[in-house]
């Protein structure tokens, strides 16, 4: 794997109930890019608790809003972002391609 450094700066947006992570990537002293990822809970399905009453199941989802990284480092940077998200308990990461279609990682 290409050796690059990743710095993370978290922010909390109270009005959106979202945590936003700004990722900065560099190799030695050269900046190679940055990414911005919004994380929030998404309610999609119903589940039954012990009393058999339907409750919303909240899934934590990350949305990549900005991904400006030098081409040769994009795959490695994305792996580092996904690893970070997995560590904090977010398994689903959504990104849009040039046509505006969702790409789920």
Protein backbone atom coordinates (compact mmCIF):
# COMPACT_ATOMS: atom_id res chain seq x y z
CA UNK A 1 0.00 0.00 0.00
CA UNK A 2 1.22 3.50 -0.79
CA UNK A 3 2.43 5.27 2.35
CA UNK A 4 0.36 8.42 2.83
CA UNK A 5 -0.61 10.36 5.93
CA UNK A 6 -4.20 11.11 6.86
CA UNK A 7 -5.34 13.83 9.25
CA UNK A 8 -8.95 14.00 10.43
CA UNK A 9 -10.77 17.07 11.65
CA UNK A 10 -14.27 16.38 13.08
CA UNK A 11 -17.09 18.95 13.30
CA UNK A 12 -20.63 18.66 14.61
CA UNK A 13 -23.59 20.26 12.84
CA UNK A 14 -26.30 20.50 15.47
CA UNK A 15 -29.08 21.63 13.13
CA UNK A 16 -28.50 18.59 10.87
CA UNK A 17 -27.57 16.14 13.67
CA UNK A 18 -24.53 15.22 11.62
CA UNK A 19 -20.85 14.77 12.33
CA UNK A 20 -18.68 15.97 9.48
CA UNK A 21 -15.16 14.67 9.07
CA UNK A 22 -12.64 16.59 6.98
CA UNK A 23 -9.82 14.33 5.82
CA UNK A 24 -6.49 15.74 4.66
CA UNK A 25 -3.95 13.57 2.88
CA UNK A 26 -0.26 14.17 2.27
CA UNK A 27 2.81 12.22 1.26
CA UNK A 28 5.99 13.52 2.88
CA UNK A 29 5.54 17.31 2.55
CA UNK A 30 3.29 17.21 -0.53
CA UNK A 31 -0.46 17.71 -0.14
CA UNK A 32 -2.27 15.11 -2.26
CA UNK A 33 -5.88 15.94 -1.50
CA UNK A 34 -8.82 16.15 0.84
CA UNK A 35 -12.25 14.68 1.40
CA UNK A 36 -15.33 15.71 3.36
CA UNK A 37 -17.63 13.04 4.78
CA UNK A 38 -21.01 13.65 6.46
CA UNK A 39 -22.19 10.99 8.91
CA UNK A 40 -25.70 10.64 10.24
CA UNK A 41 -28.31 8.05 11.15
CA UNK A 42 -30.70 6.84 8.48
CA UNK A 43 -33.97 5.17 9.41
CA UNK A 44 -34.91 2.60 6.80
CA UNK A 45 -36.38 -0.47 8.39
CA UNK A 46 -38.54 -1.59 11.28
CA UNK A 47 -37.53 -4.02 13.99
CA UNK A 48 -39.25 -5.57 16.97
CA UNK A 49 -37.96 -5.03 20.47
CA UNK A 50 -38.57 -7.33 23.44
CA UNK A 51 -42.20 -6.21 23.77
CA UNK A 52 -42.88 -6.91 20.05
CA UNK A 53 -43.54 -3.25 19.30
CA UNK A 54 -42.20 -1.86 16.02
CA UNK A 55 -39.35 0.60 16.48
CA UNK A 56 -37.20 2.38 13.94
CA UNK A 57 -33.76 0.87 13.40
CA UNK A 58 -31.17 3.60 12.91
CA UNK A 59 -28.36 2.82 10.50
CA UNK A 60 -25.26 5.00 10.59
CA UNK A 61 -24.35 6.13 7.08
CA UNK A 62 -21.48 8.19 5.69
CA UNK A 63 -21.97 10.42 2.64
CA UNK A 64 -18.90 11.57 0.76
CA UNK A 65 -19.54 15.21 -0.16
CA UNK A 66 -16.08 16.09 -1.44
CA UNK A 67 -13.30 13.85 -2.73
CA UNK A 68 -10.45 15.84 -4.29
CA UNK A 69 -7.43 13.56 -4.29
CA UNK A 70 -4.64 13.05 -6.84
CA UNK A 71 -5.64 10.12 -9.09
CA UNK A 72 -2.81 7.77 -8.12
CA UNK A 73 -3.71 8.07 -4.42
CA UNK A 74 -7.51 7.85 -4.62
CA UNK A 75 -7.84 4.10 -3.93
CA UNK A 76 -5.47 4.18 -0.96
CA UNK A 77 -7.13 7.29 0.46
CA UNK A 78 -10.58 5.73 0.13
CA UNK A 79 -9.37 2.59 1.95
CA UNK A 80 -8.07 4.75 4.81
CA UNK A 81 -11.39 6.63 5.02
CA UNK A 82 -13.36 3.35 5.04
CA UNK A 83 -11.10 1.89 7.72
CA UNK A 84 -11.65 4.99 9.89
CA UNK A 85 -15.43 4.80 9.38
CA UNK A 86 -15.45 1.08 10.28
CA UNK A 87 -13.55 1.81 13.50
CA UNK A 88 -16.23 4.31 14.57
CA UNK A 89 -19.02 1.88 13.66
CA UNK A 90 -20.13 3.11 10.23
CA UNK A 91 -20.34 0.28 7.72
CA UNK A 92 -22.12 2.02 4.84
CA UNK A 93 -20.41 4.73 2.80
CA UNK A 94 -22.25 6.40 -0.09
CA UNK A 95 -20.61 8.27 -2.93
CA UNK A 96 -22.02 9.60 -6.21
CA UNK A 97 -20.47 9.03 -9.62
CA UNK A 98 -20.36 11.65 -12.40
CA UNK A 99 -23.87 10.67 -13.54
CA UNK A 100 -25.23 11.31 -10.04
CA UNK A 101 -25.84 7.62 -9.23
CA UNK A 102 -25.05 6.31 -5.75
CA UNK A 103 -22.02 4.09 -5.29
CA UNK A 104 -22.16 2.22 -1.97
CA UNK A 105 -18.95 0.96 -0.41
